[in-house]
Amino acid sequence: MNLELWLAFVAASAVMLAIPGPTILTALFAASARRLLSTPRAQRSFHLLGGSLLSGAGVWVLLARRPA
């Protein structure tokens, strides 16, 4: 990652954190996700879905053709 791209990323991150809307929405989303995943059944489903997505991504990477 070159310096210009890194500085642009840092600037965009600082702007997003300075605006209260996204920060508040992130906190609200985290609170609702915590309530949603409070039951063992929901946690099991979440872990199964996450593991399946990660496994699928790994298979996709293994089978992807490299550009010539």
N, C-alpha and C. Protein backbone atom coordinates (compact mmCIF):
# COMPACT_ATOMS: atom_id res chain seq x y z
N MET A 1 0.86 -1.16 0.00
CA MET A 1 0.00 0.00 0.00
C MET A 1 0.90 1.23 0.00
N ASN A 2 0.69 2.10 -0.97
CA ASN A 2 1.54 3.27 -1.01
C ASN A 2 1.05 4.33 -0.03
N LEU A 3 1.86 5.35 0.18
CA LEU A 3 1.59 6.35 1.20
C LEU A 3 0.33 7.16 0.89
N GLU A 4 0.10 7.51 -0.38
CA GLU A 4 -1.07 8.31 -0.74
C GLU A 4 -2.37 7.56 -0.45
N LEU A 5 -2.38 6.29 -0.79
CA LEU A 5 -3.57 5.48 -0.53
C LEU A 5 -3.81 5.34 0.97
N TRP A 6 -2.75 5.14 1.72
CA TRP A 6 -2.88 5.01 3.17
C TRP A 6 -3.40 6.30 3.78
N LEU A 7 -2.86 7.45 3.34
CA LEU A 7 -3.31 8.73 3.87
C LEU A 7 -4.78 8.99 3.51
N ALA A 8 -5.19 8.61 2.32
CA ALA A 8 -6.59 8.76 1.93
C ALA A 8 -7.49 7.89 2.81
N PHE A 9 -7.05 6.68 3.11
CA PHE A 9 -7.81 5.80 3.99
C PHE A 9 -7.92 6.38 5.39
N VAL A 10 -6.82 6.90 5.91
CA VAL A 10 -6.82 7.49 7.25
C VAL A 10 -7.74 8.72 7.29
N ALA A 11 -7.69 9.54 6.25
CA ALA A 11 -8.54 10.73 6.20
C ALA A 11 -10.01 10.33 6.14
N ALA A 12 -10.34 9.36 5.30
CA ALA A 12 -11.73 8.91 5.21
C ALA A 12 -12.21 8.31 6.52
N SER A 13 -11.35 7.56 7.19
CA SER A 13 -11.71 6.98 8.48
C SER A 13 -11.95 8.07 9.52
N ALA A 14 -11.10 9.08 9.52
CA ALA A 14 -11.25 10.17 10.48
C ALA A 14 -12.55 10.94 10.24
N VAL A 15 -12.88 11.16 8.98
CA VAL A 15 -14.14 11.85 8.66
C VAL A 15 -15.33 11.02 9.12
N MET A 16 -15.31 9.73 8.87
CA MET A 16 -16.42 8.87 9.27
C MET A 16 -16.57 8.82 10.79
N LEU A 17 -15.46 8.83 11.51
CA LEU A 17 -15.54 8.81 12.97
C LEU A 17 -15.95 10.17 13.54
N ALA A 18 -15.67 11.24 12.82
CA ALA A 18 -16.03 12.57 13.29
C ALA A 18 -17.52 12.83 13.13
N ILE A 19 -18.16 12.18 12.17
CA ILE A 19 -19.60 12.35 11.96
C ILE A 19 -20.31 11.47 12.98
N PRO A 20 -21.19 12.04 13.79
CA PRO A 20 -21.82 11.23 14.84
C PRO A 20 -22.77 10.16 14.32
N GLY A 21 -23.36 10.34 13.16
CA GLY A 21 -24.35 9.39 12.64
C GLY A 21 -23.82 7.98 12.51
N PRO A 22 -22.73 7.75 11.74
CA PRO A 22 -22.23 6.39 11.60
C PRO A 22 -21.77 5.77 12.92
N THR A 23 -21.20 6.59 13.79
CA THR A 23 -20.73 6.08 15.08
C THR A 23 -21.91 5.60 15.93
N ILE A 24 -22.97 6.39 15.95
CA ILE A 24 -24.16 6.01 16.73
C ILE A 24 -24.82 4.77 16.11
N LEU A 25 -24.89 4.74 14.78
CA LEU A 25 -25.49 3.58 14.12
C LEU A 25 -24.68 2.32 14.39
N THR A 26 -23.36 2.44 14.43
CA THR A 26 -22.53 1.28 14.74
C THR A 26 -22.80 0.78 16.15
N ALA A 27 -22.92 1.68 17.10
CA ALA A 27 -23.22 1.29 18.48
C ALA A 27 -24.60 0.64 18.57
N LEU A 28 -25.59 1.20 17.87
CA LEU A 28 -26.93 0.61 17.90
C LEU A 28 -26.94 -0.77 17.24
N PHE A 29 -26.21 -0.91 16.14
CA PHE A 29 -26.14 -2.21 15.47
C PHE A 29 -25.47 -3.25 16.38
N ALA A 30 -24.41 -2.85 17.06
CA ALA A 30 -23.73 -3.79 17.96
C ALA A 30 -24.65 -4.22 19.10
N ALA A 31 -25.42 -3.29 19.62
CA ALA A 31 -26.35 -3.64 20.70
C ALA A 31 -27.44 -4.59 20.21
N SER A 32 -27.96 -4.34 19.02
CA SER A 32 -29.01 -5.22 18.51
C SER A 32 -28.44 -6.59 18.14
N ALA A 33 -27.21 -6.63 17.63
CA ALA A 33 -26.58 -7.91 17.32
C ALA A 33 -26.33 -8.70 18.60
N ARG A 34 -25.97 -8.02 19.66
CA ARG A 34 -25.73 -8.71 20.94
C ARG A 34 -27.02 -9.34 21.45
N ARG A 35 -28.12 -8.59 21.34
CA ARG A 35 -29.41 -9.15 21.77
C ARG A 35 -29.82 -10.32 20.88
N LEU A 36 -29.59 -10.18 19.58
CA LEU A 36 -29.98 -11.22 18.63
C LEU A 36 -29.20 -12.51 18.87
N LEU A 37 -27.93 -12.39 19.21
CA LEU A 37 -27.07 -13.57 19.38
C LEU A 37 -26.97 -14.02 20.84
N SER A 38 -27.94 -13.66 21.64
CA SER A 38 -27.87 -14.02 23.06
C SER A 38 -28.27 -15.47 23.33
N THR A 39 -29.00 -16.09 22.42
CA THR A 39 -29.42 -17.47 22.64
C THR A 39 -28.41 -18.44 22.02
N PRO A 40 -28.25 -19.60 22.62
CA PRO A 40 -27.31 -20.60 22.06
C PRO A 40 -27.69 -21.04 20.65
N ARG A 41 -28.98 -21.14 20.36
CA ARG A 41 -29.40 -21.55 19.02
C ARG A 41 -28.98 -20.52 17.97
N ALA A 42 -29.16 -19.24 18.29
CA ALA A 42 -28.77 -18.17 17.35
C ALA A 42 -27.25 -18.15 17.17
N GLN A 43 -26.51 -18.38 18.24
CA GLN A 43 -25.05 -18.42 18.14
C GLN A 43 -24.60 -19.58 17.26
N ARG A 44 -25.22 -20.75 17.43
CA ARG A 44 -24.88 -21.90 16.61
C ARG A 44 -25.15 -21.63 15.13
N SER A 45 -26.29 -21.03 14.85
CA SER A 45 -26.63 -20.71 13.46
C SER A 45 -25.65 -19.70 12.88
N PHE A 46 -25.32 -18.69 13.67
CA PHE A 46 -24.37 -17.66 13.22
C PHE A 46 -23.01 -18.27 12.94
N HIS A 47 -22.54 -19.16 13.82
CA HIS A 47 -21.25 -19.80 13.62
C HIS A 47 -21.26 -20.74 12.42
N LEU A 48 -22.37 -21.44 12.22
CA LEU A 48 -22.48 -22.32 11.07
C LEU A 48 -22.45 -21.52 9.77
N LEU A 49 -23.18 -20.42 9.74
CA LEU A 49 -23.21 -19.58 8.55
C LEU A 49 -21.83 -18.96 8.28
N GLY A 50 -21.20 -18.45 9.33
CA GLY A 50 -19.88 -17.84 9.16
C GLY A 50 -18.83 -18.85 8.72
N GLY A 51 -18.86 -20.02 9.30
CA GLY A 51 -17.92 -21.06 8.91
C GLY A 51 -18.14 -21.53 7.48
N SER A 52 -19.41 -21.62 7.09
CA SER A 52 -19.72 -22.02 5.71
C SER A 52 -19.22 -20.98 4.72
N LEU A 53 -19.43 -19.70 5.04
CA LEU A 53 -18.94 -18.63 4.16
C LEU A 53 -17.42 -18.64 4.05
N LEU A 54 -16.74 -18.83 5.16
CA LEU A 54 -15.28 -18.88 5.13
C LEU A 54 -14.78 -20.09 4.36
N SER A 55 -15.42 -21.23 4.55
CA SER A 55 -15.03 -22.43 3.82
C SER A 55 -15.28 -22.26 2.33
N GLY A 56 -16.41 -21.70 1.98
CA GLY A 56 -16.72 -21.45 0.58
C GLY A 56 -15.73 -20.48 -0.05
N ALA A 57 -15.33 -19.45 0.69
CA ALA A 57 -14.34 -18.51 0.17
C ALA A 57 -13.00 -19.20 -0.04
N GLY A 58 -12.64 -20.11 0.85
CA GLY A 58 -11.39 -20.84 0.71
C GLY A 58 -11.40 -21.74 -0.51
N VAL A 59 -12.51 -22.42 -0.74
CA VAL A 59 -12.63 -23.28 -1.93
C VAL A 59 -12.59 -22.43 -3.18
N TRP A 60 -13.24 -21.28 -3.16
CA TRP A 60 -13.25 -20.38 -4.30
C TRP A 60 -11.83 -19.91 -4.64
N VAL A 61 -11.07 -19.58 -3.61
CA VAL A 61 -9.68 -19.14 -3.83
C VAL A 61 -8.85 -20.29 -4.39
N LEU A 62 -9.05 -21.49 -3.89
CA LEU A 62 -8.29 -22.63 -4.39
C LEU A 62 -8.61 -22.95 -5.84
N LEU A 63 -9.86 -22.75 -6.23
CA LEU A 63 -10.26 -23.11 -7.59
C LEU A 63 -10.15 -21.96 -8.58
N ALA A 64 -9.88 -20.76 -8.10
CA ALA A 64 -9.81 -19.60 -9.00
C ALA A 64 -8.59 -19.71 -9.90
N ARG A 65 -8.77 -19.32 -11.12
CA ARG A 65 -7.64 -19.33 -12.06
C ARG A 65 -6.85 -18.04 -11.91
N ARG A 66 -5.58 -18.17 -11.98
CA ARG A 66 -4.72 -16.99 -11.91
C ARG A 66 -4.64 -16.35 -13.29
N PRO A 67 -4.58 -15.02 -13.32
CA PRO A 67 -4.46 -14.36 -14.62
C PRO A 67 -3.12 -14.70 -15.27
N ALA A 68 -3.14 -14.82 -16.58
CA ALA A 68 -1.92 -15.22 -17.31
C ALA A 68 -0.91 -14.12 -17.38
